PDB file of N, CA and C in Angstrom:
ATOM      1  N   MET A   1      -0.081 -25.806   0.678  1.00  0.00           N
ATOM      2  CA  MET A   1       0.058 -24.721  -0.396  1.00  0.00           C
ATOM      3  C   MET A   1      -0.948 -23.625  -0.201  1.00  0.00           C
ATOM      4  N   ARG A   2      -0.877 -22.809  -1.551  1.00  0.00           N
ATOM      5  CA  ARG A   2      -0.880 -21.391  -1.079  1.00  0.00           C
ATOM      6  C   ARG A   2      -1.857 -20.910  -2.519  1.00  0.00           C
ATOM      7  N   TYR A   3      -3.028 -20.583  -1.890  1.00  0.00           N
ATOM      8  CA  TYR A   3      -4.066 -20.323  -3.021  1.00  0.00           C
ATOM      9  C   TYR A   3      -4.149 -18.804  -3.613  1.00  0.00           C
ATOM     10  N   SER A   4      -4.544 -18.339  -4.083  1.00  0.00           N
ATOM     11  CA  SER A   4      -4.667 -17.303  -4.992  1.00  0.00           C
ATOM     12  C   SER A   4      -5.764 -17.060  -4.873  1.00  0.00           C
ATOM     13  N   TYR A   5      -5.846 -15.270  -4.349  1.00  0.00           N
ATOM     14  CA  TYR A   5      -7.044 -13.997  -4.259  1.00  0.00           C
ATOM     15  C   TYR A   5      -6.272 -13.021  -5.089  1.00  0.00           C
ATOM     16  N   PHE A   6      -7.939 -12.579  -5.173  1.00  0.00           N
ATOM     17  CA  PHE A   6      -7.997 -11.637  -6.632  1.00  0.00           C
ATOM     18  C   PHE A   6      -9.196  -9.988  -5.730  1.00  0.00           C
ATOM     19  N   CYS A   7      -8.837  -9.003  -5.697  1.00  0.00           N
ATOM     20  CA  CYS A   7      -9.451  -7.969  -4.666  1.00  0.00           C
ATOM     21  C   CYS A   7     -10.726  -7.701  -6.167  1.00  0.00           C
ATOM     22  N   ASP A   8     -12.279  -7.713  -5.383  1.00  0.00           N
ATOM     23  CA  ASP A   8     -13.269  -7.596  -6.051  1.00  0.00           C
ATOM     24  C   ASP A   8     -13.515  -5.696  -7.138  1.00  0.00           C
ATOM     25  N   GLY A   9     -12.981  -5.359  -5.935  1.00  0.00           N
ATOM     26  CA  GLY A   9     -12.837  -3.726  -6.454  1.00  0.00           C
ATOM     27  C   GLY A   9     -11.550  -3.530  -7.543  1.00  0.00           C
ATOM     28  N   CYS A  10      -9.945  -3.339  -7.220  1.00  0.00           N
ATOM     29  CA  CYS A  10      -8.706  -3.186  -7.643  1.00  0.00           C
ATOM     30  C   CYS A  10      -8.047  -4.503  -8.715  1.00  0.00           C
ATOM     31  N   HIS A  11      -8.594  -5.151  -8.493  1.00  0.00           N
ATOM     32  CA  HIS A  11      -7.585  -6.482  -8.920  1.00  0.00           C
ATOM     33  C   HIS A  11      -6.343  -6.654  -8.404  1.00  0.00           C
ATOM     34  N   TYR A  12      -6.451  -6.037  -6.882  1.00  0.00           N
ATOM     35  CA  TYR A  12      -4.861  -6.893  -6.252  1.00  0.00           C
ATOM     36  C   TYR A  12      -4.930  -7.868  -6.131  1.00  0.00           C
ATOM     37  N   GLU A  13      -4.237  -9.160  -6.549  1.00  0.00           N
ATOM     38  CA  GLU A  13      -3.793 -10.555  -6.514  1.00  0.00           C
ATOM     39  C   GLU A  13      -2.935 -11.071  -5.122  1.00  0.00           C
ATOM     40  N   ASP A  14      -3.544 -11.634  -4.837  1.00  0.00           N
ATOM     41  CA  ASP A  14      -2.690 -12.029  -2.819  1.00  0.00           C
ATOM     42  C   ASP A  14      -2.903 -13.496  -3.285  1.00  0.00           C
ATOM     43  N   SER A  15      -2.141 -13.757  -2.135  1.00  0.00           N
ATOM     44  CA  SER A  15      -2.575 -15.522  -1.520  1.00  0.00           C
ATOM     45  C   SER A  15      -2.079 -15.775  -0.504  1.00  0.00           C
ATOM     46  N   ASP A  16      -2.967 -17.208   0.408  1.00  0.00           N
ATOM     47  CA  ASP A  16      -3.064 -17.287   1.285  1.00  0.00           C
ATOM     48  C   ASP A  16      -3.437 -19.119   1.263  1.00  0.00           C
ATOM     49  N   GLN A  17      -3.157 -19.601   2.612  1.00  0.00           N
ATOM     50  CA  GLN A  17      -2.617 -21.245   2.496  1.00  0.00           C
ATOM     51  C   GLN A  17      -4.379 -21.510   2.434  1.00  0.00           C
ATOM     52  N   TYR A  18      -5.531 -20.863   2.690  1.00  0.00           N
ATOM     53  CA  TYR A  18      -6.982 -20.443   3.057  1.00  0.00           C
ATOM     54  C   TYR A  18      -7.606 -21.115   2.303  1.00  0.00           C
ATOM     55  N   HIS A  19      -8.424 -22.497   1.890  1.00  0.00           N
ATOM     56  CA  HIS A  19      -9.033 -23.178   0.388  1.00  0.00           C
ATOM     57  C   HIS A  19      -9.811 -22.977   0.921  1.00  0.00           C
ATOM     58  N   LEU A  20     -10.964 -22.946  -0.775  1.00  0.00           N
ATOM     59  CA  LEU A  20     -11.672 -22.043  -0.618  1.00  0.00           C
ATOM     60  C   LEU A  20     -12.174 -22.893  -2.207  1.00  0.00           C
ATOM     61  N   PRO A  21     -13.270 -22.487  -2.027  1.00  0.00           N
ATOM     62  CA  PRO A  21     -13.565 -23.774  -3.649  1.00  0.00           C
ATOM     63  C   PRO A  21     -13.673 -21.649  -4.823  1.00  0.00           C
ATOM     64  N   ILE A  22     -13.402 -22.591  -5.852  1.00  0.00           N
ATOM     65  CA  ILE A  22     -13.040 -20.885  -7.151  1.00  0.00           C
ATOM     66  C   ILE A  22     -13.880 -20.182  -6.886  1.00  0.00           C
ATOM     67  N   GLY A  23     -14.621 -19.364  -6.795  1.00  0.00           N
ATOM     68  CA  GLY A  23     -14.830 -17.542  -6.874  1.00  0.00           C
ATOM     69  C   GLY A  23     -15.516 -17.647  -5.833  1.00  0.00           C
ATOM     70  N   ASP A  24     -14.979 -18.275  -4.560  1.00  0.00           N
ATOM     71  CA  ASP A  24     -15.232 -18.044  -3.571  1.00  0.00           C
ATOM     72  C   ASP A  24     -15.356 -16.718  -1.878  1.00  0.00           C
ATOM     73  N   HIS A  25     -15.852 -16.303  -1.883  1.00  0.00           N
ATOM     74  CA  HIS A  25     -14.658 -14.484  -1.204  1.00  0.00           C
ATOM     75  C   HIS A  25     -14.419 -15.589  -0.133  1.00  0.00           C
ATOM     76  N   HIS A  26     -13.167 -14.748   0.568  1.00  0.00           N
ATOM     77  CA  HIS A  26     -12.760 -15.569   1.705  1.00  0.00           C
ATOM     78  C   HIS A  26     -12.855 -14.903   2.931  1.00  0.00           C
ATOM     79  N   PRO A  27     -13.029 -14.871   4.174  1.00  0.00           N
ATOM     80  CA  PRO A  27     -13.817 -14.942   5.245  1.00  0.00           C
ATOM     81  C   PRO A  27     -13.051 -13.270   5.805  1.00  0.00           C
ATOM     82  N   LYS A  28     -11.605 -13.648   5.565  1.00  0.00           N
ATOM     83  CA  LYS A  28     -11.336 -12.918   6.164  1.00  0.00           C
ATOM     84  C   LYS A  28     -10.005 -11.848   6.345  1.00  0.00           C
ATOM     85  N   LEU A  29      -9.850 -12.162   4.795  1.00  0.00           N
ATOM     86  CA  LEU A  29      -9.197 -12.196   3.944  1.00  0.00           C
ATOM     87  C   LEU A  29      -9.564 -10.595   3.340  1.00  0.00           C
ATOM     88  N   ASN A  30      -8.828  -9.619   3.012  1.00  0.00           N
ATOM     89  CA  ASN A  30      -9.556  -7.523   2.440  1.00  0.00           C
ATOM     90  C   ASN A  30      -7.883  -7.029   2.367  1.00  0.00           C
ATOM     91  N   CYS A  31      -8.617  -6.840   0.958  1.00  0.00           N
ATOM     92  CA  CYS A  31      -7.741  -5.922   0.344  1.00  0.00           C
ATOM     93  C   CYS A  31      -6.901  -5.098   0.596  1.00  0.00           C
ATOM     94  N   PRO A  32      -5.278  -4.903   0.810  1.00  0.00           N
ATOM     95  CA  PRO A  32      -4.314  -3.761   1.160  1.00  0.00           C
ATOM     96  C   PRO A  32      -4.584  -3.051   0.492  1.00  0.00           C
ATOM     97  N   LEU A  33      -5.361  -3.285  -0.455  1.00  0.00           N
ATOM     98  CA  LEU A  33      -4.690  -1.338  -1.363  1.00  0.00           C
ATOM     99  C   LEU A  33      -6.378  -0.874  -1.152  1.00  0.00           C
ATOM    100  N   CYS A  34      -7.657  -0.749  -0.964  1.00  0.00           N
ATOM    101  CA  CYS A  34      -8.619  -0.496  -1.425  1.00  0.00           C
ATOM    102  C   CYS A  34      -9.746  -0.942  -0.430  1.00  0.00           C
ATOM    103  N   GLY A  35      -9.410  -1.917   0.382  1.00  0.00           N
ATOM    104  CA  GLY A  35     -10.196  -2.568   1.744  1.00  0.00           C
ATOM    105  C   GLY A  35     -11.439  -3.791   1.072  1.00  0.00           C
ATOM    106  N   GLY A  36     -11.467  -4.091  -0.613  1.00  0.00           N
ATOM    107  CA  GLY A  36     -12.467  -4.590  -1.483  1.00  0.00           C
ATOM    108  C   GLY A  36     -12.140  -6.121  -0.733  1.00  0.00           C
ATOM    109  N   ARG A  37     -12.638  -7.055  -0.897  1.00  0.00           N
ATOM    110  CA  ARG A  37     -13.103  -8.146  -0.991  1.00  0.00           C
ATOM    111  C   ARG A  37     -12.558  -9.526  -1.795  1.00  0.00           C
ATOM    112  N   MET A  38     -11.702 -10.202  -0.664  1.00  0.00           N
ATOM    113  CA  MET A  38     -10.366 -10.771  -2.181  1.00  0.00           C
ATOM    114  C   MET A  38     -11.511 -12.604  -2.600  1.00  0.00           C
ATOM    115  N   ARG A  39     -11.632 -12.886  -3.304  1.00  0.00           N
ATOM    116  CA  ARG A  39     -12.145 -13.916  -4.080  1.00  0.00           C
ATOM    117  C   ARG A  39     -11.668 -14.575  -4.691  1.00  0.00           C
ATOM    118  N   ARG A  40     -11.394 -15.760  -4.189  1.00  0.00           N
ATOM    119  CA  ARG A  40     -10.653 -16.700  -4.868  1.00  0.00           C
ATOM    120  C   ARG A  40     -10.513 -17.489  -6.291  1.00  0.00           C
ATOM    121  N   GLY A  41      -9.718 -17.350  -7.126  1.00  0.00           N
ATOM    122  CA  GLY A  41      -9.259 -17.333  -8.207  1.00  0.00           C
ATOM    123  C   GLY A  41      -8.740 -18.263  -8.233  1.00  0.00           C
ATOM    124  N   ALA A  42      -8.367 -18.780  -9.656  1.00  0.00           N
ATOM    125  CA  ALA A  42      -7.810 -20.141  -9.949  1.00  0.00           C
ATOM    126  C   ALA A  42      -6.234 -19.847  -9.797  1.00  0.00           C
ATOM    127  N   SER A  43      -5.893 -21.226  -9.855  1.00  0.00           N
ATOM    128  CA  SER A  43      -4.585 -21.740  -9.992  1.00  0.00           C
ATOM    129  C   SER A  43      -3.014 -20.524 -11.016  1.00  0.00           C
ATOM    130  N   PHE A  44      -4.033 -21.014 -11.774  1.00  0.00           N
ATOM    131  CA  PHE A  44      -3.297 -20.239 -12.527  1.00  0.00           C
ATOM    132  C   PHE A  44      -3.899 -18.764 -13.736  1.00  0.00           C
ATOM    133  N   SER A  45      -2.838 -17.768 -13.964  1.00  0.00           N
ATOM    134  CA  SER A  45      -3.752 -16.439 -14.650  1.00  0.00           C
ATOM    135  C   SER A  45      -3.229 -16.190 -16.328  1.00  0.00           C
ATOM    136  N   PHE A  46      -4.830 -16.123 -16.690  1.00  0.00           N
ATOM    137  CA  PHE A  46      -4.424 -15.622 -18.457  1.00  0.00           C
ATOM    138  C   PHE A  46      -3.667 -14.337 -18.327  1.00  0.00           C
ATOM    139  N   ARG A  47      -3.220 -13.650 -17.460  1.00  0.00           N
ATOM    140  CA  ARG A  47      -2.973 -12.185 -18.195  1.00  0.00           C
ATOM    141  C   ARG A  47      -1.749 -12.238 -17.593  1.00  0.00           C
ATOM    142  N   ALA A  48      -1.088 -11.223 -18.848  1.00  0.00           N
ATOM    143  CA  ALA A  48       0.586 -11.329 -18.712  1.00  0.00           C
ATOM    144  C   ALA A  48       0.977 -10.947 -17.495  1.00  0.00           C
ATOM    145  N   SER A  49       2.340 -10.898 -17.141  1.00  0.00           N
ATOM    146  CA  SER A  49       2.831 -10.134 -15.990  1.00  0.00           C
ATOM    147  C   SER A  49       3.170  -9.273 -16.096  1.00  0.00           C
ATOM    148  N   MET A  50       3.293  -8.529 -14.777  1.00  0.00           N
ATOM    149  CA  MET A  50       4.070  -7.049 -14.965  1.00  0.00           C
ATOM    150  C   MET A  50       5.759  -6.982 -15.476  1.00  0.00           C
ATOM    151  N   PRO A  51       5.733  -6.958 -16.442  1.00  0.00           N
ATOM    152  CA  PRO A  51       7.860  -6.630 -16.973  1.00  0.00           C
ATOM    153  C   PRO A  51       8.349  -6.446 -16.058  1.00  0.00           C
ATOM    154  N   GLU A  52       9.449  -5.701 -15.759  1.00  0.00           N
ATOM    155  CA  GLU A  52       9.890  -5.488 -15.031  1.00  0.00           C
ATOM    156  C   GLU A  52      10.418  -3.293 -15.241  1.00  0.00           C
ATOM    157  N   HIS A  53      10.544  -2.765 -14.671  1.00  0.00           N
ATOM    158  CA  HIS A  53      10.692  -1.794 -14.997  1.00  0.00           C
ATOM    159  C   HIS A  53      11.048  -0.741 -13.801  1.00  0.00           C
ATOM    160  N   PHE A  54      10.960   0.606 -14.001  1.00  0.00           N
ATOM    161  CA  PHE A  54      11.371   1.309 -13.026  1.00  0.00           C
ATOM    162  C   PHE A  54       9.652   2.555 -13.433  1.00  0.00           C
ATOM    163  N   ASN A  55       9.756   2.334 -11.163  1.00  0.00           N
ATOM    164  CA  ASN A  55       8.725   3.375 -11.320  1.00  0.00           C
ATOM    165  C   ASN A  55       8.779   4.709 -10.545  1.00  0.00           C
ATOM    166  N   VAL A  56       8.167   5.270 -11.245  1.00  0.00           N
ATOM    167  CA  VAL A  56       9.177   6.383 -11.267  1.00  0.00           C
ATOM    168  C   VAL A  56       7.305   7.504  -9.569  1.00  0.00           C
ATOM    169  N   ALA A  57       6.646   6.393  -9.416  1.00  0.00           N
ATOM    170  CA  ALA A  57       6.646   6.919  -7.987  1.00  0.00           C
ATOM    171  C   ALA A  57       6.680   6.230  -6.790  1.00  0.00           C
ATOM    172  N   VAL A  58       7.681   5.028  -7.750  1.00  0.00           N
ATOM    173  CA  VAL A  58       7.826   4.080  -6.371  1.00  0.00           C
ATOM    174  C   VAL A  58       9.709   4.361  -5.892  1.00  0.00           C
ATOM    175  N   GLY A  59      10.550   4.353  -7.171  1.00  0.00           N
ATOM    176  CA  GLY A  59      11.948   5.176  -6.857  1.00  0.00           C
ATOM    177  C   GLY A  59      12.819   4.023  -7.372  1.00  0.00           C
ATOM    178  N   ARG A  60      12.720   3.133  -7.665  1.00  0.00           N
ATOM    179  CA  ARG A  60      12.835   1.794  -8.131  1.00  0.00           C
ATOM    180  C   ARG A  60      11.890   1.094  -8.741  1.00  0.00           C
ATOM    181  N   PRO A  61      12.753  -0.281  -9.292  1.00  0.00           N
ATOM    182  CA  PRO A  61      12.720  -1.499 -10.081  1.00  0.00           C
ATOM    183  C   PRO A  61      11.039  -1.673  -9.513  1.00  0.00           C
ATOM    184  N   VAL A  62      10.298  -2.504 -10.353  1.00  0.00           N
ATOM    185  CA  VAL A  62       9.163  -3.271  -9.924  1.00  0.00           C
ATOM    186  C   VAL A  62       8.852  -4.504 -10.829  1.00  0.00           C
ATOM    187  N   SER A  63       8.804  -5.717 -10.291  1.00  0.00           N
ATOM    188  CA  SER A  63       8.497  -6.919 -11.736  1.00  0.00           C
ATOM    189  C   SER A  63       7.183  -7.251 -11.277  1.00  0.00           C
ATOM    190  N   SER A  64       6.471  -6.959 -10.100  1.00  0.00           N
ATOM    191  CA  SER A  64       4.920  -7.651  -9.809  1.00  0.00           C
ATOM    192  C   SER A  64       4.223  -7.007  -9.260  1.00  0.00           C
ATOM    193  N   SER A  65       2.436  -6.723  -9.207  1.00  0.00           N
ATOM    194  CA  SER A  65       1.843  -5.755  -8.531  1.00  0.00           C
ATOM    195  C   SER A  65       2.145  -5.910  -6.550  1.00  0.00           C
ATOM    196  N   LYS A  66       2.466  -7.454  -6.906  1.00  0.00           N
ATOM    197  CA  LYS A  66       2.465  -7.402  -5.268  1.00  0.00           C
ATOM    198  C   LYS A  66       3.514  -6.318  -4.779  1.00  0.00           C
ATOM    199  N   GLN A  67       4.804  -6.151  -5.945  1.00  0.00           N
ATOM    200  CA  GLN A  67       5.639  -5.619  -5.415  1.00  0.00           C
ATOM    201  C   GLN A  67       6.000  -4.144  -4.817  1.00  0.00           C
ATOM    202  N   PHE A  68       4.667  -4.192  -6.113  1.00  0.00           N
ATOM    203  CA  PHE A  68       4.395  -2.732  -6.316  1.00  0.00           C
ATOM    204  C   PHE A  68       3.231  -2.138  -5.256  1.00  0.00           C
ATOM    205  N   ALA A  69       2.676  -2.937  -4.748  1.00  0.00           N
ATOM    206  CA  ALA A  69       1.760  -2.641  -3.557  1.00  0.00           C
ATOM    207  C   ALA A  69       2.794  -2.264  -2.046  1.00  0.00           C
ATOM    208  N   ASP A  70       3.560  -3.294  -2.270  1.00  0.00           N
ATOM    209  CA  ASP A  70       4.245  -3.485  -0.778  1.00  0.00           C
ATOM    210  C   ASP A  70       5.334  -2.031  -0.798  1.00  0.00           C
ATOM    211  N   GLU A  71       5.543  -1.697  -2.544  1.00  0.00           N
ATOM    212  CA  GLU A  71       6.101  -0.388  -2.538  1.00  0.00           C
ATOM    213  C   GLU A  71       5.379   0.908  -2.265  1.00  0.00           C
ATOM    214  N   LEU A  72       4.985   0.954  -2.597  1.00  0.00           N
ATOM    215  CA  LEU A  72       3.138   2.047  -2.439  1.00  0.00           C
ATOM    216  C   LEU A  72       3.255   1.980  -0.834  1.00  0.00           C
ATOM    217  N   LYS A  73       2.929   1.205  -0.156  1.00  0.00           N
ATOM    218  CA  LYS A  73       3.128   0.847   1.917  1.00  0.00           C
ATOM    219  C   LYS A  73       4.146   1.993   2.198  1.00  0.00           C
ATOM    220  N   ARG A  74       5.328   1.522   1.488  1.00  0.00           N
ATOM    221  CA  ARG A  74       6.990   1.705   2.411  1.00  0.00           C
ATOM    222  C   ARG A  74       6.649   3.404   2.212  1.00  0.00           C
ATOM    223  N   LYS A  75       6.489   3.509   1.326  1.00  0.00           N
ATOM    224  CA  LYS A  75       6.175   5.186   0.469  1.00  0.00           C
ATOM    225  C   LYS A  75       5.546   5.693   1.192  1.00  0.00           C
ATOM    226  N   SER A  76       3.998   5.252   2.005  1.00  0.00           N
ATOM    227  CA  SER A  76       3.209   5.293   2.776  1.00  0.00           C
ATOM    228  C   SER A  76       3.480   5.882   3.676  1.00  0.00           C
ATOM    229  N   GLU A  77       4.168   4.367   4.155  1.00  0.00           N
ATOM    230  CA  GLU A  77       4.910   4.815   6.262  1.00  0.00           C
ATOM    231  C   GLU A  77       5.852   5.679   6.335  1.00  0.00           C
ATOM    232  N   GLU A  78       6.630   6.283   5.273  1.00  0.00           N
ATOM    233  CA  GLU A  78       8.431   6.869   4.881  1.00  0.00           C
ATOM    234  C   GLU A  78       7.238   8.336   5.170  1.00  0.00           C
ATOM    235  N   ALA A  79       6.608   8.753   3.639  1.00  0.00           N
ATOM    236  CA  ALA A  79       5.713   9.675   4.221  1.00  0.00           C
ATOM    237  C   ALA A  79       4.730  10.294   5.790  1.00  0.00           C
ATOM    238  N   SER A  80       4.137   9.949   5.953  1.00  0.00           N
ATOM    239  CA  SER A  80       4.052   9.262   7.426  1.00  0.00           C
ATOM    240  C   SER A  80       4.525   9.450   7.973  1.00  0.00           C
ATOM    241  N   LEU A  81       6.000   9.164   8.260  1.00  0.00           N
ATOM    242  CA  LEU A  81       6.690   9.568   9.788  1.00  0.00           C
ATOM    243  C   LEU A  81       7.123  11.048   8.751  1.00  0.00           C
ATOM    244  N   ARG A  82       7.561  11.390   7.832  1.00  0.00           N
ATOM    245  CA  ARG A  82       7.880  11.737   7.742  1.00  0.00           C
ATOM    246  C   ARG A  82       6.827  13.490   8.189  1.00  0.00           C
ATOM    247  N   THR A  83       5.997  13.287   7.101  1.00  0.00           N
ATOM    248  CA  THR A  83       5.325  14.903   7.769  1.00  0.00           C
ATOM    249  C   THR A  83       3.933  14.493   9.373  1.00  0.00           C
ATOM    250  N   GLY A  84       4.401  13.588   9.907  1.00  0.00           N
ATOM    251  CA  GLY A  84       3.172  13.149  10.607  1.00  0.00           C
ATOM    252  C   GLY A  84       1.866  12.976  10.432  1.00  0.00           C
ATOM    253  N   MET A  85       1.684  12.777   9.317  1.00  0.00           N
ATOM    254  CA  MET A  85      -0.121  12.860   8.429  1.00  0.00           C
ATOM    255  C   MET A  85      -0.140  11.297   7.879  1.00  0.00           C
ATOM    256  N   ASP A  86      -1.230  10.545   8.529  1.00  0.00           N
ATOM    257  CA  ASP A  86      -1.458   9.080   8.122  1.00  0.00           C
ATOM    258  C   ASP A  86      -1.653   9.545   6.332  1.00  0.00           C
ATOM    259  N   HIS A  87      -0.443   8.910   5.748  1.00  0.00           N
ATOM    260  CA  HIS A  87      -0.366   8.955   3.820  1.00  0.00           C
ATOM    261  C   HIS A  87      -0.515   7.100   3.166  1.00  0.00           C
ATOM    262  N   ASN A  88      -1.542   6.924   2.403  1.00  0.00           N
ATOM    263  CA  ASN A  88      -2.290   5.904   1.680  1.00  0.00           C
ATOM    264  C   ASN A  88      -1.958   5.892   0.607  1.00  0.00           C
ATOM    265  N   PHE A  89      -1.062   5.782   0.079  1.00  0.00           N
ATOM    266  CA  PHE A  89      -1.140   5.885  -1.441  1.00  0.00           C
ATOM    267  C   PHE A  89      -2.034   4.647  -2.251  1.00  0.00           C
ATOM    268  N   VAL A  90      -2.413   4.259  -3.200  1.00  0.00           N
ATOM    269  CA  VAL A  90      -2.976   3.089  -3.999  1.00  0.00           C
ATOM    270  C   VAL A  90      -2.403   3.509  -5.152  1.00  0.00           C
ATOM    271  N   PRO A  91      -1.955   2.606  -6.269  1.00  0.00           N
ATOM    272  CA  PRO A  91      -2.257   2.562  -8.030  1.00  0.00           C
ATOM    273  C   PRO A  91      -3.509   3.583  -8.316  1.00  0.00           C
ATOM    274  N   VAL A  92      -3.088   4.206  -9.223  1.00  0.00           N
ATOM    275  CA  VAL A  92      -4.188   5.457  -9.690  1.00  0.00           C
ATOM    276  C   VAL A  92      -4.553   4.997 -12.254  1.00  0.00           C
ATOM    277  N   ASP A  93      -5.118   4.464 -12.060  1.00  0.00           N
ATOM    278  CA  ASP A  93      -5.268   4.058 -13.685  1.00  0.00           C
ATOM    279  C   ASP A  93      -4.989   5.294 -14.504  1.00  0.00           C
ATOM    280  N   VAL A  94      -3.620   5.376 -15.016  1.00  0.00           N
ATOM    281  CA  VAL A  94      -4.143   6.984 -15.360  1.00  0.00           C
ATOM    282  C   VAL A  94      -5.063   7.583 -16.638  1.00  0.00           C
ATOM    283  N   THR A  95      -5.457   6.546 -17.031  1.00  0.00           N
ATOM    284  CA  THR A  95      -6.177   6.532 -18.552  1.00  0.00           C
ATOM    285  C   THR A  95      -8.264   6.443 -18.270  1.00  0.00           C
ATOM    286  N   ASP A  96      -7.844   6.781 -16.540  1.00  0.00           N
ATOM    287  CA  ASP A  96      -9.386   7.422 -15.895  1.00  0.00           C
ATOM    288  C   ASP A  96      -9.128   8.443 -15.346  1.00  0.00           C
ATOM    289  N   MET A  97     -10.053   9.622 -16.172  1.00  0.00           N
ATOM    290  CA  MET A  97      -9.632  10.756 -16.286  1.00  0.00           C
ATOM    291  C   MET A  97     -10.268  11.544 -15.155  1.00  0.00           C
ATOM    292  N   LYS A  98     -11.231  10.744 -14.127  1.00  0.00           N
ATOM    293  CA  LYS A  98     -11.611  11.196 -13.185  1.00  0.00           C
ATOM    294  C   LYS A  98     -10.719  11.063 -12.028  1.00  0.00           C
ATOM    295  N   ALA A  99      -9.878  10.122 -11.547  1.00  0.00           N
ATOM    296  CA  ALA A  99      -8.663   9.522 -11.444  1.00  0.00           C
ATOM    297  C   ALA A  99      -7.951  10.984 -11.384  1.00  0.00           C
ATOM    298  N   VAL A 100      -7.630  10.835 -12.421  1.00  0.00           N
ATOM    299  CA  VAL A 100      -5.673  12.192 -12.450  1.00  0.00           C
ATOM    300  C   VAL A 100      -6.962  13.478 -12.349  1.00  0.00           C
ATOM    301  N   GLY A 101      -8.344  13.986 -12.424  1.00  0.00           N
ATOM    302  CA  GLY A 101      -8.859  14.743 -11.939  1.00  0.00           C
ATOM    303  C   GLY A 101      -8.487  15.525 -13.595  1.00  0.00           C
ATOM    304  N   ALA A 102      -8.132  14.902 -14.428  1.00  0.00           N
ATOM    305  CA  ALA A 102      -8.572  15.732 -16.191  1.00  0.00           C
ATOM    306  C   ALA A 102     -10.587  16.052 -16.480  1.00  0.00           C
ATOM    307  N   THR A 103     -10.410  16.740 -16.690  1.00  0.00           N
ATOM    308  CA  THR A 103     -11.778  17.123 -17.430  1.00  0.00           C
ATOM    309  C   THR A 103     -12.405  17.543 -18.935  1.00  0.00           C
ATOM    310  N   ASP A 104     -12.975  17.897 -18.930  1.00  0.00           N
ATOM    311  CA  ASP A 104     -13.932  17.700 -21.047  1.00  0.00           C
ATOM    312  C   ASP A 104     -13.513  19.286 -20.878  1.00  0.00           C
ATOM    313  N   GLU A 105     -13.602  19.993 -20.116  1.00  0.00           N
ATOM    314  CA  GLU A 105     -14.140  21.169 -20.370  1.00  0.00           C
ATOM    315  C   GLU A 105     -12.821  22.054 -21.067  1.00  0.00           C
ATOM    316  N   GLY A 106     -11.213  21.244 -20.655  1.00  0.00           N
ATOM    317  CA  GLY A 106      -9.348  21.983 -21.291  1.00  0.00           C
ATOM    318  C   GLY A 106      -9.036  22.773 -20.176  1.00  0.00           C
ATOM    319  N   LEU A 107      -7.768  22.685 -20.365  1.00  0.00           N
ATOM    320  CA  LEU A 107      -6.873  23.643 -19.309  1.00  0.00           C
ATOM    321  C   LEU A 107      -7.179  24.567 -19.591  1.00  0.00           C
ATOM    322  N   ASP A 108      -8.257  25.451 -20.001  1.00  0.00           N
ATOM    323  CA  ASP A 108      -8.719  26.781 -19.186  1.00  0.00           C
ATOM    324  C   ASP A 108     -10.108  26.757 -18.100  1.00  0.00           C
ATOM    325  N   HIS A 109     -10.352  26.175 -18.345  1.00  0.00           N
ATOM    326  CA  HIS A 109     -11.273  25.664 -16.809  1.00  0.00           C
ATOM    327  C   HIS A 109     -10.527  25.205 -15.836  1.00  0.00           C
ATOM    328  N   THR A 110      -9.137  24.639 -16.382  1.00  0.00           N
ATOM    329  CA  THR A 110      -8.786  23.716 -14.653  1.00  0.00           C
ATOM    330  C   THR A 110      -7.918  25.178 -14.500  1.00  0.00           C
ATOM    331  N   ARG A 111      -7.394  26.155 -15.119  1.00  0.00           N
ATOM    332  CA  ARG A 111      -6.866  27.269 -14.955  1.00  0.00           C
ATOM    333  C   ARG A 111      -7.364  27.962 -13.583  1.00  0.00           C
ATOM    334  N   LYS A 112      -8.406  28.079 -14.052  1.00  0.00           N
ATOM    335  CA  LYS A 112      -9.511  29.004 -13.437  1.00  0.00           C
ATOM    336  C   LYS A 112      -9.866  28.817 -12.047  1.00  0.00           C
ATOM    337  N   VAL A 113     -10.828  27.026 -11.772  1.00  0.00           N
ATOM    338  CA  VAL A 113     -10.429  26.226 -10.793  1.00  0.00           C
ATOM    339  C   VAL A 113      -9.864  26.193  -9.944  1.00  0.00           C
ATOM    340  N   HIS A 114      -8.502  25.877 -10.792  1.00  0.00           N
ATOM    341  CA  HIS A 114      -7.088  26.070  -9.006  1.00  0.00           C
ATOM    342  C   HIS A 114      -7.035  27.917  -9.234  1.00  0.00           C
ATOM    343  N   HIS A 115      -7.223  28.732 -10.041  1.00  0.00           N
ATOM    344  CA  HIS A 115      -6.912  30.347  -9.839  1.00  0.00           C
ATOM    345  C   HIS A 115      -7.496  30.904  -8.167  1.00  0.00           C
ATOM    346  N   ASP A 116      -9.383  30.448  -8.272  1.00  0.00           N
ATOM    347  CA  ASP A 116     -10.567  30.292  -7.068  1.00  0.00           C
ATOM    348  C   ASP A 116     -10.565  29.878  -6.493  1.00  0.00           C
ATOM    349  N   ALA A 117     -10.050  28.669  -6.301  1.00  0.00           N
ATOM    350  CA  ALA A 117      -8.815  27.815  -4.946  1.00  0.00           C
ATOM    351  C   ALA A 117      -7.727  28.038  -4.445  1.00  0.00           C
ATOM    352  N   ILE A 118      -7.366  28.910  -4.794  1.00  0.00           N
ATOM    353  CA  ILE A 118      -6.520  30.328  -3.228  1.00  0.00           C
ATOM    354  C   ILE A 118      -6.853  31.466  -3.629  1.00  0.00           C
TER     355      ILE A 118
END
């Protein structure tokens, strides 16, 4: 039997045969996306499943968080081979202004920051 584990940091979901009481942290399993600690979840989920959709970031249809994480890893490996530099693509919450580089100052300030960086 496999048990569900969820990352405390990014809520990535995975499963493992290691049995723990619900809510306990897995002693050896870490999140492959952010390195966070994985906590045993219940065998059921209240959140809606990810509907299948074409994901532009990975260039193909995805239908689960795990599949999306696997595709991001594949894209990271392809980019690492192509450029010779290590890549580690991770999901970004587009509603998180800081994560996408948006500020309250507006486009003029952003344009000035980019201009000054050149």
